Amino acid sequence: MTTPWTPGRIAALLGLLLAGALTGAAGWLVLDLWFPAGLLLALLALLGLFLGARIAIGAGAGVGAAAAGWFLSYVLLSLPRPEGDFLLGSSGIGMYAYLLGGSVIAVICATMRGPVEGPVSASRPRG
């Protein structure tokens, strides 16, 4: 069962893309500021964003839009600046933990089932 692409749904997905980019940029900056606590804070912010996107849209497409914005912020912040340095420094394990943790959270939120979808049954086909 697919949901039709209405203008409101498209606007919501674009809003989630923007929210993902802003949350990602804030997470990347907090990560280097307070390393152990900053990593936990950034991952909790991603969990809230991805879970909220899943509930708001009702499908994995909301999580996909938010995750695309989150990853887009990483790509844009890791490009070299004209001065020759980077805005994001590769400060060890924190950056990789944030990338891996955010990806795992996005996959979990995109593939989970809601309470209205009912339990999975192998004896009868969905439809």
PDB file of N, CA and C in Angstrom:
ATOM      1  N   MET A   1       0.829  -1.165   0.000  1.00  0.00           N
ATOM      2  CA  MET A   1       0.000   0.000   0.000  1.00  0.00           C
ATOM      3  C   MET A   1       0.884   1.244   0.000  1.00  0.00           C
ATOM      4  N   THR A   2       0.714   2.078  -0.969  1.00  0.00           N
ATOM      5  CA  THR A   2       1.514   3.287  -1.071  1.00  0.00           C
ATOM      6  C   THR A   2       0.624   4.503  -0.856  1.00  0.00           C
ATOM      7  N   THR A   3       1.203   5.528  -0.299  1.00  0.00           N
ATOM      8  CA  THR A   3       0.496   6.773  -0.060  1.00  0.00           C
ATOM      9  C   THR A   3       0.726   7.691  -1.246  1.00  0.00           C
ATOM     10  N   PRO A   4      -0.321   8.373  -1.743  1.00  0.00           N
ATOM     11  CA  PRO A   4      -0.138   9.252  -2.908  1.00  0.00           C
ATOM     12  C   PRO A   4       0.747  10.455  -2.575  1.00  0.00           C
ATOM     13  N   TRP A   5       1.409  10.958  -3.590  1.00  0.00           N
ATOM     14  CA  TRP A   5       2.305  12.100  -3.434  1.00  0.00           C
ATOM     15  C   TRP A   5       1.488  13.381  -3.557  1.00  0.00           C
ATOM     16  N   THR A   6       1.048  13.907  -2.445  1.00  0.00           N
ATOM     17  CA  THR A   6       0.293  15.153  -2.417  1.00  0.00           C
ATOM     18  C   THR A   6       1.260  16.312  -2.190  1.00  0.00           C
ATOM     19  N   PRO A   7       0.839  17.536  -2.517  1.00  0.00           N
ATOM     20  CA  PRO A   7       1.728  18.679  -2.261  1.00  0.00           C
ATOM     21  C   PRO A   7       2.104  18.823  -0.783  1.00  0.00           C
ATOM     22  N   GLY A   8       1.187  18.494   0.123  1.00  0.00           N
ATOM     23  CA  GLY A   8       1.505  18.570   1.551  1.00  0.00           C
ATOM     24  C   GLY A   8       2.556  17.550   1.957  1.00  0.00           C
ATOM     25  N   ARG A   9       2.465  16.350   1.381  1.00  0.00           N
ATOM     26  CA  ARG A   9       3.450  15.309   1.694  1.00  0.00           C
ATOM     27  C   ARG A   9       4.830  15.682   1.159  1.00  0.00           C
ATOM     28  N   ILE A  10       4.868  16.241  -0.029  1.00  0.00           N
ATOM     29  CA  ILE A  10       6.144  16.673  -0.614  1.00  0.00           C
ATOM     30  C   ILE A  10       6.751  17.804   0.214  1.00  0.00           C
ATOM     31  N   ALA A  11       5.907  18.741   0.656  1.00  0.00           N
ATOM     32  CA  ALA A  11       6.406  19.839   1.487  1.00  0.00           C
ATOM     33  C   ALA A  11       6.929  19.302   2.825  1.00  0.00           C
ATOM     34  N   ALA A  12       6.239  18.313   3.385  1.00  0.00           N
ATOM     35  CA  ALA A  12       6.707  17.721   4.646  1.00  0.00           C
ATOM     36  C   ALA A  12       8.045  17.025   4.461  1.00  0.00           C
ATOM     37  N   LEU A  13       8.223  16.320   3.349  1.00  0.00           N
ATOM     38  CA  LEU A  13       9.496  15.647   3.095  1.00  0.00           C
ATOM     39  C   LEU A  13      10.628  16.655   2.883  1.00  0.00           C
ATOM     40  N   LEU A  14      10.336  17.763   2.198  1.00  0.00           N
ATOM     41  CA  LEU A  14      11.361  18.795   2.027  1.00  0.00           C
ATOM     42  C   LEU A  14      11.694  19.463   3.366  1.00  0.00           C
ATOM     43  N   GLY A  15      10.698  19.635   4.213  1.00  0.00           N
ATOM     44  CA  GLY A  15      10.946  20.164   5.552  1.00  0.00           C
ATOM     45  C   GLY A  15      11.803  19.224   6.380  1.00  0.00           C
ATOM     46  N   LEU A  16      11.559  17.917   6.246  1.00  0.00           N
ATOM     47  CA  LEU A  16      12.385  16.940   6.961  1.00  0.00           C
ATOM     48  C   LEU A  16      13.806  16.910   6.417  1.00  0.00           C
ATOM     49  N   LEU A  17      13.969  17.133   5.120  1.00  0.00           N
ATOM     50  CA  LEU A  17      15.310  17.224   4.536  1.00  0.00           C
ATOM     51  C   LEU A  17      16.061  18.405   5.156  1.00  0.00           C
ATOM     52  N   LEU A  18      15.389  19.544   5.267  1.00  0.00           N
ATOM     53  CA  LEU A  18      16.006  20.721   5.874  1.00  0.00           C
ATOM     54  C   LEU A  18      16.283  20.496   7.362  1.00  0.00           C
ATOM     55  N   ALA A  19      15.333  19.876   8.073  1.00  0.00           N
ATOM     56  CA  ALA A  19      15.544  19.584   9.491  1.00  0.00           C
ATOM     57  C   ALA A  19      16.712  18.620   9.690  1.00  0.00           C
ATOM     58  N   GLY A  20      16.858  17.651   8.786  1.00  0.00           N
ATOM     59  CA  GLY A  20      17.987  16.729   8.862  1.00  0.00           C
ATOM     60  C   GLY A  20      19.310  17.442   8.649  1.00  0.00           C
ATOM     61  N   ALA A  21      19.336  18.383   7.710  1.00  0.00           N
ATOM     62  CA  ALA A  21      20.573  19.129   7.462  1.00  0.00           C
ATOM     63  C   ALA A  21      20.939  19.997   8.667  1.00  0.00           C
ATOM     64  N   LEU A  22      19.945  20.646   9.275  1.00  0.00           N
ATOM     65  CA  LEU A  22      20.229  21.490  10.439  1.00  0.00           C
ATOM     66  C   LEU A  22      20.638  20.657  11.651  1.00  0.00           C
ATOM     67  N   THR A  23      19.958  19.540  11.867  1.00  0.00           N
ATOM     68  CA  THR A  23      20.316  18.667  12.987  1.00  0.00           C
ATOM     69  C   THR A  23      21.699  18.066  12.780  1.00  0.00           C
ATOM     70  N   GLY A  24      22.007  17.696  11.544  1.00  0.00           N
ATOM     71  CA  GLY A  24      23.323  17.146  11.250  1.00  0.00           C
ATOM     72  C   GLY A  24      24.435  18.159  11.474  1.00  0.00           C
ATOM     73  N   ALA A  25      24.218  19.398  11.018  1.00  0.00           N
ATOM     74  CA  ALA A  25      25.235  20.431  11.213  1.00  0.00           C
ATOM     75  C   ALA A  25      25.442  20.717  12.695  1.00  0.00           C
ATOM     76  N   ALA A  26      24.343  20.796  13.448  1.00  0.00           N
ATOM     77  CA  ALA A  26      24.474  21.030  14.888  1.00  0.00           C
ATOM     78  C   ALA A  26      25.161  19.846  15.569  1.00  0.00           C
ATOM     79  N   GLY A  27      24.843  18.642  15.154  1.00  0.00           N
ATOM     80  CA  GLY A  27      25.470  17.460  15.736  1.00  0.00           C
ATOM     81  C   GLY A  27      26.961  17.400  15.459  1.00  0.00           C
ATOM     82  N   TRP A  28      27.353  17.758  14.238  1.00  0.00           N
ATOM     83  CA  TRP A  28      28.779  17.729  13.907  1.00  0.00           C
ATOM     84  C   TRP A  28      29.554  18.749  14.724  1.00  0.00           C
ATOM     85  N   LEU A  29      28.948  19.909  14.974  1.00  0.00           N
ATOM     86  CA  LEU A  29      29.652  20.932  15.736  1.00  0.00           C
ATOM     87  C   LEU A  29      29.705  20.595  17.229  1.00  0.00           C
ATOM     88  N   VAL A  30      28.628  20.017  17.763  1.00  0.00           N
ATOM     89  CA  VAL A  30      28.591  19.625  19.175  1.00  0.00           C
ATOM     90  C   VAL A  30      29.522  18.447  19.432  1.00  0.00           C
ATOM     91  N   LEU A  31      29.668  17.578  18.440  1.00  0.00           N
ATOM     92  CA  LEU A  31      30.496  16.388  18.593  1.00  0.00           C
ATOM     93  C   LEU A  31      31.932  16.745  18.966  1.00  0.00           C
ATOM     94  N   ASP A  32      32.500  17.719  18.300  1.00  0.00           N
ATOM     95  CA  ASP A  32      33.877  18.106  18.595  1.00  0.00           C
ATOM     96  C   ASP A  32      33.990  18.991  19.831  1.00  0.00           C
ATOM     97  N   LEU A  33      32.894  19.653  20.198  1.00  0.00           N
ATOM     98  CA  LEU A  33      32.949  20.557  21.338  1.00  0.00           C
ATOM     99  C   LEU A  33      33.027  19.802  22.658  1.00  0.00           C
ATOM    100  N   TRP A  34      32.131  18.841  22.864  1.00  0.00           N
ATOM    101  CA  TRP A  34      32.100  18.032  24.093  1.00  0.00           C
ATOM    102  C   TRP A  34      32.127  16.587  23.674  1.00  0.00           C
ATOM    103  N   PHE A  35      33.302  15.987  23.556  1.00  0.00           N
ATOM    104  CA  PHE A  35      33.362  14.679  22.876  1.00  0.00           C
ATOM    105  C   PHE A  35      32.476  13.585  23.460  1.00  0.00           C
ATOM    106  N   PRO A  36      32.642  13.089  24.639  1.00  0.00           N
ATOM    107  CA  PRO A  36      31.786  11.946  24.978  1.00  0.00           C
ATOM    108  C   PRO A  36      30.319  12.343  25.113  1.00  0.00           C
ATOM    109  N   ALA A  37      30.057  13.459  25.796  1.00  0.00           N
ATOM    110  CA  ALA A  37      28.667  13.889  25.972  1.00  0.00           C
ATOM    111  C   ALA A  37      28.094  14.443  24.673  1.00  0.00           C
ATOM    112  N   GLY A  38      28.921  15.082  23.865  1.00  0.00           N
ATOM    113  CA  GLY A  38      28.462  15.623  22.595  1.00  0.00           C
ATOM    114  C   GLY A  38      28.026  14.537  21.622  1.00  0.00           C
ATOM    115  N   LEU A  39      28.735  13.410  21.631  1.00  0.00           N
ATOM    116  CA  LEU A  39      28.352  12.288  20.777  1.00  0.00           C
ATOM    117  C   LEU A  39      26.996  11.741  21.192  1.00  0.00           C
ATOM    118  N   LEU A  40      26.794  11.565  22.478  1.00  0.00           N
ATOM    119  CA  LEU A  40      25.514  11.071  22.974  1.00  0.00           C
ATOM    120  C   LEU A  40      24.390  12.056  22.680  1.00  0.00           C
ATOM    121  N   LEU A  41      24.643  13.331  22.871  1.00  0.00           N
ATOM    122  CA  LEU A  41      23.641  14.360  22.592  1.00  0.00           C
ATOM    123  C   LEU A  41      23.285  14.396  21.103  1.00  0.00           C
ATOM    124  N   ALA A  42      24.279  14.301  20.244  1.00  0.00           N
ATOM    125  CA  ALA A  42      24.032  14.325  18.800  1.00  0.00           C
ATOM    126  C   ALA A  42      23.252  13.084  18.353  1.00  0.00           C
ATOM    127  N   LEU A  43      23.585  11.918  18.903  1.00  0.00           N
ATOM    128  CA  LEU A  43      22.860  10.702  18.533  1.00  0.00           C
ATOM    129  C   LEU A  43      21.420  10.724  19.057  1.00  0.00           C
ATOM    130  N   LEU A  44      21.208  11.294  20.240  1.00  0.00           N
ATOM    131  CA  LEU A  44      19.840  11.419  20.755  1.00  0.00           C
ATOM    132  C   LEU A  44      19.017  12.390  19.907  1.00  0.00           C
ATOM    133  N   ALA A  45      19.649  13.449  19.424  1.00  0.00           N
ATOM    134  CA  ALA A  45      18.953  14.380  18.529  1.00  0.00           C
ATOM    135  C   ALA A  45      18.569  13.683  17.227  1.00  0.00           C
ATOM    136  N   LEU A  46      19.461  12.851  16.701  1.00  0.00           N
ATOM    137  CA  LEU A  46      19.134  12.099  15.485  1.00  0.00           C
ATOM    138  C   LEU A  46      18.016  11.099  15.728  1.00  0.00           C
ATOM    139  N   LEU A  47      18.032  10.434  16.871  1.00  0.00           N
ATOM    140  CA  LEU A  47      16.961   9.507  17.204  1.00  0.00           C
ATOM    141  C   LEU A  47      15.616  10.226  17.253  1.00  0.00           C
ATOM    142  N   GLY A  48      15.579  11.382  17.884  1.00  0.00           N
ATOM    143  CA  GLY A  48      14.345  12.157  17.934  1.00  0.00           C
ATOM    144  C   GLY A  48      13.877  12.599  16.567  1.00  0.00           C
ATOM    145  N   LEU A  49      14.804  13.038  15.738  1.00  0.00           N
ATOM    146  CA  LEU A  49      14.451  13.478  14.383  1.00  0.00           C
ATOM    147  C   LEU A  49      13.934  12.323  13.544  1.00  0.00           C
ATOM    148  N   PHE A  50      14.662  11.212  13.528  1.00  0.00           N
ATOM    149  CA  PHE A  50      14.267  10.079  12.690  1.00  0.00           C
ATOM    150  C   PHE A  50      12.974   9.436  13.185  1.00  0.00           C
ATOM    151  N   LEU A  51      12.810   9.313  14.476  1.00  0.00           N
ATOM    152  CA  LEU A  51      11.589   8.738  15.014  1.00  0.00           C
ATOM    153  C   LEU A  51      10.401   9.663  14.766  1.00  0.00           C
ATOM    154  N   GLY A  52      10.602  10.956  14.933  1.00  0.00           N
ATOM    155  CA  GLY A  52       9.550  11.920  14.624  1.00  0.00           C
ATOM    156  C   GLY A  52       9.183  11.927  13.157  1.00  0.00           C
ATOM    157  N   ALA A  53      10.171  11.764  12.284  1.00  0.00           N
ATOM    158  CA  ALA A  53       9.901  11.705  10.850  1.00  0.00           C
ATOM    159  C   ALA A  53       9.108  10.459  10.497  1.00  0.00           C
ATOM    160  N   ARG A  54       9.450   9.342  11.139  1.00  0.00           N
ATOM    161  CA  ARG A  54       8.722   8.086  10.904  1.00  0.00           C
ATOM    162  C   ARG A  54       7.263   8.212  11.335  1.00  0.00           C
ATOM    163  N   ILE A  55       7.026   8.824  12.477  1.00  0.00           N
ATOM    164  CA  ILE A  55       5.667   8.984  12.977  1.00  0.00           C
ATOM    165  C   ILE A  55       4.898  10.009  12.143  1.00  0.00           C
ATOM    166  N   ALA A  56       5.542  11.112  11.774  1.00  0.00           N
ATOM    167  CA  ALA A  56       4.858  12.179  11.038  1.00  0.00           C
ATOM    168  C   ALA A  56       4.441  11.739   9.641  1.00  0.00           C
ATOM    169  N   ILE A  57       5.313  11.064   8.931  1.00  0.00           N
ATOM    170  CA  ILE A  57       5.004  10.652   7.562  1.00  0.00           C
ATOM    171  C   ILE A  57       4.289   9.309   7.554  1.00  0.00           C
ATOM    172  N   GLY A  58       4.589   8.462   8.504  1.00  0.00           N
ATOM    173  CA  GLY A  58       3.953   7.152   8.566  1.00  0.00           C
ATOM    174  C   GLY A  58       4.614   6.120   7.687  1.00  0.00           C
ATOM    175  N   ALA A  59       5.778   6.425   7.180  1.00  0.00           N
ATOM    176  CA  ALA A  59       6.516   5.495   6.324  1.00  0.00           C
ATOM    177  C   ALA A  59       8.002   5.794   6.442  1.00  0.00           C
ATOM    178  N   GLY A  60       8.794   4.913   5.863  1.00  0.00           N
ATOM    179  CA  GLY A  60      10.243   5.082   5.896  1.00  0.00           C
ATOM    180  C   GLY A  60      10.738   6.231   5.046  1.00  0.00           C
ATOM    181  N   ALA A  61       9.880   6.777   4.171  1.00  0.00           N
ATOM    182  CA  ALA A  61      10.307   7.890   3.318  1.00  0.00           C
ATOM    183  C   ALA A  61      10.649   9.123   4.148  1.00  0.00           C
ATOM    184  N   GLY A  62       9.953   9.326   5.254  1.00  0.00           N
ATOM    185  CA  GLY A  62      10.268  10.450   6.122  1.00  0.00           C
ATOM    186  C   GLY A  62      11.646  10.315   6.740  1.00  0.00           C
ATOM    187  N   VAL A  63      11.970   9.113   7.161  1.00  0.00           N
ATOM    188  CA  VAL A  63      13.301   8.861   7.721  1.00  0.00           C
ATOM    189  C   VAL A  63      14.356   9.022   6.634  1.00  0.00           C
ATOM    190  N   GLY A  64      14.046   8.575   5.429  1.00  0.00           N
ATOM    191  CA  GLY A  64      14.988   8.712   4.320  1.00  0.00           C
ATOM    192  C   GLY A  64      15.284  10.161   3.993  1.00  0.00           C
ATOM    193  N   ALA A  65      14.251  11.005   4.016  1.00  0.00           N
ATOM    194  CA  ALA A  65      14.457  12.428   3.734  1.00  0.00           C
ATOM    195  C   ALA A  65      15.308  13.075   4.824  1.00  0.00           C
ATOM    196  N   ALA A  66      15.013  12.764   6.085  1.00  0.00           N
ATOM    197  CA  ALA A  66      15.793  13.331   7.188  1.00  0.00           C
ATOM    198  C   ALA A  66      17.233  12.825   7.162  1.00  0.00           C
ATOM    199  N   ALA A  67      17.419  11.547   6.856  1.00  0.00           N
ATOM    200  CA  ALA A  67      18.774  10.989   6.793  1.00  0.00           C
ATOM    201  C   ALA A  67      19.554  11.561   5.614  1.00  0.00           C
ATOM    202  N   ALA A  68      18.871  11.824   4.509  1.00  0.00           N
ATOM    203  CA  ALA A  68      19.553  12.440   3.363  1.00  0.00           C
ATOM    204  C   ALA A  68      20.032  13.843   3.716  1.00  0.00           C
ATOM    205  N   GLY A  69      19.223  14.605   4.436  1.00  0.00           N
ATOM    206  CA  GLY A  69      19.653  15.929   4.876  1.00  0.00           C
ATOM    207  C   GLY A  69      20.803  15.860   5.859  1.00  0.00           C
ATOM    208  N   TRP A  70      20.752  14.864   6.760  1.00  0.00           N
ATOM    209  CA  TRP A  70      21.827  14.683   7.730  1.00  0.00           C
ATOM    210  C   TRP A  70      23.142  14.362   7.019  1.00  0.00           C
ATOM    211  N   PHE A  71      23.100  13.460   6.058  1.00  0.00           N
ATOM    212  CA  PHE A  71      24.327  13.097   5.354  1.00  0.00           C
ATOM    213  C   PHE A  71      24.792  14.226   4.434  1.00  0.00           C
ATOM    214  N   LEU A  72      23.858  14.977   3.865  1.00  0.00           N
ATOM    215  CA  LEU A  72      24.228  16.115   3.024  1.00  0.00           C
ATOM    216  C   LEU A  72      24.984  17.163   3.834  1.00  0.00           C
ATOM    217  N   SER A  73      24.573  17.358   5.081  1.00  0.00           N
ATOM    218  CA  SER A  73      25.305  18.315   5.924  1.00  0.00           C
ATOM    219  C   SER A  73      26.726  17.836   6.184  1.00  0.00           C
ATOM    220  N   TYR A  74      26.909  16.519   6.342  1.00  0.00           N
ATOM    221  CA  TYR A  74      28.262  15.992   6.528  1.00  0.00           C
ATOM    222  C   TYR A  74      29.123  16.251   5.291  1.00  0.00           C
ATOM    223  N   VAL A  75      28.555  16.004   4.127  1.00  0.00           N
ATOM    224  CA  VAL A  75      29.319  16.196   2.885  1.00  0.00           C
ATOM    225  C   VAL A  75      29.688  17.662   2.705  1.00  0.00           C
ATOM    226  N   LEU A  76      28.737  18.553   2.939  1.00  0.00           N
ATOM    227  CA  LEU A  76      29.015  19.976   2.744  1.00  0.00           C
ATOM    228  C   LEU A  76      29.990  20.526   3.784  1.00  0.00           C
ATOM    229  N   LEU A  77      29.912  20.033   5.014  1.00  0.00           N
ATOM    230  CA  LEU A  77      30.824  20.523   6.044  1.00  0.00           C
ATOM    231  C   LEU A  77      32.224  19.918   5.941  1.00  0.00           C
ATOM    232  N   SER A  78      32.363  18.835   5.213  1.00  0.00           N
ATOM    233  CA  SER A  78      33.680  18.219   5.098  1.00  0.00           C
ATOM    234  C   SER A  78      34.443  18.667   3.846  1.00  0.00           C
ATOM    235  N   LEU A  79      33.838  19.513   3.025  1.00  0.00           N
ATOM    236  CA  LEU A  79      34.545  20.041   1.858  1.00  0.00           C
ATOM    237  C   LEU A  79      35.614  21.033   2.312  1.00  0.00           C
ATOM    238  N   PRO A  80      36.749  21.067   1.616  1.00  0.00           N
ATOM    239  CA  PRO A  80      37.782  22.027   2.027  1.00  0.00           C
ATOM    240  C   PRO A  80      37.347  23.465   1.731  1.00  0.00           C
ATOM    241  N   ARG A  81      37.724  24.356   2.632  1.00  0.00           N
ATOM    242  CA  ARG A  81      37.407  25.767   2.455  1.00  0.00           C
ATOM    243  C   ARG A  81      38.476  26.418   1.583  1.00  0.00           C
ATOM    244  N   PRO A  82      38.226  27.630   1.066  1.00  0.00           N
ATOM    245  CA  PRO A  82      39.233  28.304   0.232  1.00  0.00           C
ATOM    246  C   PRO A  82      40.555  28.554   0.946  1.00  0.00           C
ATOM    247  N   GLU A  83      40.505  28.615   2.288  1.00  0.00           N
ATOM    248  CA  GLU A  83      41.750  28.832   3.036  1.00  0.00           C
ATOM    249  C   GLU A  83      42.614  27.581   3.095  1.00  0.00           C
ATOM    250  N   GLY A  84      42.064  26.448   2.684  1.00  0.00           N
ATOM    251  CA  GLY A  84      42.833  25.216   2.658  1.00  0.00           C
ATOM    252  C   GLY A  84      42.572  24.292   3.833  1.00  0.00           C
ATOM    253  N   ASP A  85      41.761  24.725   4.789  1.00  0.00           N
ATOM    254  CA  ASP A  85      41.465  23.856   5.919  1.00  0.00           C
ATOM    255  C   ASP A  85      40.023  23.344   5.811  1.00  0.00           C
ATOM    256  N   PHE A  86      39.615  22.566   6.801  1.00  0.00           N
ATOM    257  CA  PHE A  86      38.283  21.976   6.808  1.00  0.00           C
ATOM    258  C   PHE A  86      37.500  22.508   7.990  1.00  0.00           C
ATOM    259  N   LEU A  87      36.177  22.642   7.841  1.00  0.00           N
ATOM    260  CA  LEU A  87      35.347  23.036   8.972  1.00  0.00           C
ATOM    261  C   LEU A  87      35.237  21.889   9.965  1.00  0.00           C
ATOM    262  N   LEU A  88      35.074  20.660   9.445  1.00  0.00           N
ATOM    263  CA  LEU A  88      35.038  19.479  10.300  1.00  0.00           C
ATOM    264  C   LEU A  88      36.425  18.869  10.358  1.00  0.00           C
ATOM    265  N   GLY A  89      36.959  18.765  11.529  1.00  0.00           N
ATOM    266  CA  GLY A  89      38.234  18.090  11.684  1.00  0.00           C
ATOM    267  C   GLY A  89      37.995  16.615  11.955  1.00  0.00           C
ATOM    268  N   SER A  90      38.801  15.775  11.423  1.00  0.00           N
ATOM    269  CA  SER A  90      38.645  14.342  11.681  1.00  0.00           C
ATOM    270  C   SER A  90      39.321  14.024  13.010  1.00  0.00           C
ATOM    271  N   SER A  91      38.590  14.272  14.085  1.00  0.00           N
ATOM    272  CA  SER A  91      39.178  14.147  15.416  1.00  0.00           C
ATOM    273  C   SER A  91      39.003  12.740  15.973  1.00  0.00           C
ATOM    274  N   GLY A  92      39.523  11.789  15.289  1.00  0.00           N
ATOM    275  CA  GLY A  92      39.542  10.433  15.817  1.00  0.00           C
ATOM    276  C   GLY A  92      38.238   9.675  15.657  1.00  0.00           C
ATOM    277  N   ILE A  93      37.924   8.915  16.683  1.00  0.00           N
ATOM    278  CA  ILE A  93      36.840   7.955  16.621  1.00  0.00           C
ATOM    279  C   ILE A  93      35.462   8.610  16.677  1.00  0.00           C
ATOM    280  N   GLY A  94      35.357   9.823  17.188  1.00  0.00           N
ATOM    281  CA  GLY A  94      34.063  10.479  17.347  1.00  0.00           C
ATOM    282  C   GLY A  94      33.309  10.652  16.049  1.00  0.00           C
ATOM    283  N   MET A  95      34.008  11.059  15.001  1.00  0.00           N
ATOM    284  CA  MET A  95      33.363  11.271  13.718  1.00  0.00           C
ATOM    285  C   MET A  95      32.834   9.951  13.149  1.00  0.00           C
ATOM    286  N   TYR A  96      33.611   8.902  13.271  1.00  0.00           N
ATOM    287  CA  TYR A  96      33.178   7.609  12.741  1.00  0.00           C
ATOM    288  C   TYR A  96      32.054   7.012  13.583  1.00  0.00           C
ATOM    289  N   ALA A  97      32.094   7.236  14.887  1.00  0.00           N
ATOM    290  CA  ALA A  97      31.013   6.759  15.752  1.00  0.00           C
ATOM    291  C   ALA A  97      29.718   7.492  15.437  1.00  0.00           C
ATOM    292  N   TYR A  98      29.800   8.769  15.127  1.00  0.00           N
ATOM    293  CA  TYR A  98      28.605   9.536  14.773  1.00  0.00           C
ATOM    294  C   TYR A  98      28.036   9.075  13.433  1.00  0.00           C
ATOM    295  N   LEU A  99      28.900   8.835  12.469  1.00  0.00           N
ATOM    296  CA  LEU A  99      28.440   8.334  11.166  1.00  0.00           C
ATOM    297  C   LEU A  99      27.800   6.955  11.296  1.00  0.00           C
ATOM    298  N   LEU A 100      28.466   6.050  11.978  1.00  0.00           N
ATOM    299  CA  LEU A 100      27.930   4.695  12.125  1.00  0.00           C
ATOM    300  C   LEU A 100      26.678   4.686  12.998  1.00  0.00           C
ATOM    301  N   GLY A 101      26.712   5.403  14.104  1.00  0.00           N
ATOM    302  CA  GLY A 101      25.553   5.446  14.987  1.00  0.00           C
ATOM    303  C   GLY A 101      24.345   6.076  14.324  1.00  0.00           C
ATOM    304  N   GLY A 102      24.549   7.160  13.599  1.00  0.00           N
ATOM    305  CA  GLY A 102      23.443   7.796  12.886  1.00  0.00           C
ATOM    306  C   GLY A 102      22.869   6.914  11.804  1.00  0.00           C
ATOM    307  N   SER A 103      23.726   6.191  11.110  1.00  0.00           N
ATOM    308  CA  SER A 103      23.248   5.271  10.076  1.00  0.00           C
ATOM    309  C   SER A 103      22.448   4.127  10.675  1.00  0.00           C
ATOM    310  N   VAL A 104      22.904   3.589  11.788  1.00  0.00           N
ATOM    311  CA  VAL A 104      22.181   2.497  12.457  1.00  0.00           C
ATOM    312  C   VAL A 104      20.827   2.990  12.965  1.00  0.00           C
ATOM    313  N   ILE A 105      20.785   4.175  13.550  1.00  0.00           N
ATOM    314  CA  ILE A 105      19.522   4.728  14.031  1.00  0.00           C
ATOM    315  C   ILE A 105      18.560   4.964  12.874  1.00  0.00           C
ATOM    316  N   ALA A 106      19.064   5.457  11.742  1.00  0.00           N
ATOM    317  CA  ALA A 106      18.204   5.701  10.585  1.00  0.00           C
ATOM    318  C   ALA A 106      17.615   4.398  10.053  1.00  0.00           C
ATOM    319  N   VAL A 107      18.421   3.362   9.969  1.00  0.00           N
ATOM    320  CA  VAL A 107      17.920   2.073   9.473  1.00  0.00           C
ATOM    321  C   VAL A 107      16.894   1.484  10.429  1.00  0.00           C
ATOM    322  N   ILE A 108      17.148   1.579  11.732  1.00  0.00           N
ATOM    323  CA  ILE A 108      16.194   1.047  12.706  1.00  0.00           C
ATOM    324  C   ILE A 108      14.865   1.791  12.609  1.00  0.00           C
ATOM    325  N   CYS A 109      14.911   3.112  12.533  1.00  0.00           N
ATOM    326  CA  CYS A 109      13.672   3.890  12.470  1.00  0.00           C
ATOM    327  C   CYS A 109      12.946   3.694  11.133  1.00  0.00           C
ATOM    328  N   ALA A 110      13.672   3.480  10.052  1.00  0.00           N
ATOM    329  CA  ALA A 110      13.027   3.305   8.750  1.00  0.00           C
ATOM    330  C   ALA A 110      12.371   1.941   8.605  1.00  0.00           C
ATOM    331  N   THR A 111      12.884   0.938   9.291  1.00  0.00           N
ATOM    332  CA  THR A 111      12.361  -0.415   9.106  1.00  0.00           C
ATOM    333  C   THR A 111      11.432  -0.874  10.214  1.00  0.00           C
ATOM    334  N   MET A 112      11.210  -0.049  11.230  1.00  0.00           N
ATOM    335  CA  MET A 112      10.333  -0.493  12.311  1.00  0.00           C
ATOM    336  C   MET A 112       8.866  -0.393  11.890  1.00  0.00           C
ATOM    337  N   ARG A 113       8.050  -1.166  12.571  1.00  0.00           N
ATOM    338  CA  ARG A 113       6.623  -1.191  12.295  1.00  0.00           C
ATOM    339  C   ARG A 113       5.900  -0.431  13.383  1.00  0.00           C
ATOM    340  N   GLY A 114       4.841   0.255  12.984  1.00  0.00           N
ATOM    341  CA  GLY A 114       4.039   0.996  13.947  1.00  0.00           C
ATOM    342  C   GLY A 114       2.964   0.122  14.556  1.00  0.00           C
ATOM    343  N   PRO A 115       2.342   0.584  15.620  1.00  0.00           N
ATOM    344  CA  PRO A 115       1.304  -0.222  16.265  1.00  0.00           C
ATOM    345  C   PRO A 115       0.060  -0.386  15.409  1.00  0.00           C
ATOM    346  N   VAL A 116      -0.197   0.527  14.477  1.00  0.00           N
ATOM    347  CA  VAL A 116      -1.396   0.414  13.647  1.00  0.00           C
ATOM    348  C   VAL A 116      -1.221  -0.572  12.504  1.00  0.00           C
ATOM    349  N   GLU A 117       0.005  -0.951  12.214  1.00  0.00           N
ATOM    350  CA  GLU A 117       0.253  -1.882  11.124  1.00  0.00           C
ATOM    351  C   GLU A 117      -0.006  -3.327  11.522  1.00  0.00           C
ATOM    352  N   GLY A 118      -0.086  -3.617  12.781  1.00  0.00           N
ATOM    353  CA  GLY A 118      -0.372  -4.960  13.252  1.00  0.00           C
ATOM    354  C   GLY A 118       0.843  -5.864  13.232  1.00  0.00           C
ATOM    355  N   PRO A 119       0.693  -7.050  13.833  1.00  0.00           N
ATOM    356  CA  PRO A 119       1.818  -7.979  13.885  1.00  0.00           C
ATOM    357  C   PRO A 119       2.059  -8.649  12.534  1.00  0.00           C
ATOM    358  N   VAL A 120       3.254  -9.134  12.351  1.00  0.00           N
ATOM    359  CA  VAL A 120       3.622  -9.852  11.137  1.00  0.00           C
ATOM    360  C   VAL A 120       3.198 -11.300  11.283  1.00  0.00           C
ATOM    361  N   SER A 121       2.537 -11.842  10.276  1.00  0.00           N
ATOM    362  CA  SER A 121       2.085 -13.228  10.320  1.00  0.00           C
ATOM    363  C   SER A 121       2.601 -13.946   9.086  1.00  0.00           C
ATOM    364  N   ALA A 122       3.207 -15.112   9.294  1.00  0.00           N
ATOM    365  CA  ALA A 122       3.718 -15.877   8.167  1.00  0.00           C
ATOM    366  C   ALA A 122       2.634 -16.754   7.544  1.00  0.00           C
ATOM    367  N   SER A 123       1.500 -16.904   8.213  1.00  0.00           N
ATOM    368  CA  SER A 123       0.473 -17.802   7.695  1.00  0.00           C
ATOM    369  C   SER A 123      -0.446 -17.142   6.674  1.00  0.00           C
ATOM    370  N   ARG A 124      -0.544 -15.811   6.692  1.00  0.00           N
ATOM    371  CA  ARG A 124      -1.408 -15.157   5.711  1.00  0.00           C
ATOM    372  C   ARG A 124      -0.626 -14.034   5.016  1.00  0.00           C
ATOM    373  N   PRO A 125      -0.854 -13.859   3.732  1.00  0.00           N
ATOM    374  CA  PRO A 125      -0.141 -12.798   3.018  1.00  0.00           C
ATOM    375  C   PRO A 125      -0.706 -11.429   3.364  1.00  0.00           C
ATOM    376  N   ARG A 126       0.135 -10.455   3.266  1.00  0.00           N
ATOM    377  CA  ARG A 126      -0.312  -9.063   3.481  1.00  0.00           C
ATOM    378  C   ARG A 126      -1.035  -8.579   2.257  1.00  0.00           C
ATOM    379  N   GLY A 127      -1.982  -7.722   2.439  1.00  0.00           N
ATOM    380  CA  GLY A 127      -2.627  -7.189   1.257  1.00  0.00           C
ATOM    381  C   GLY A 127      -3.835  -6.480   1.486  1.00  0.00           C
TER     382      GLY A 127
END
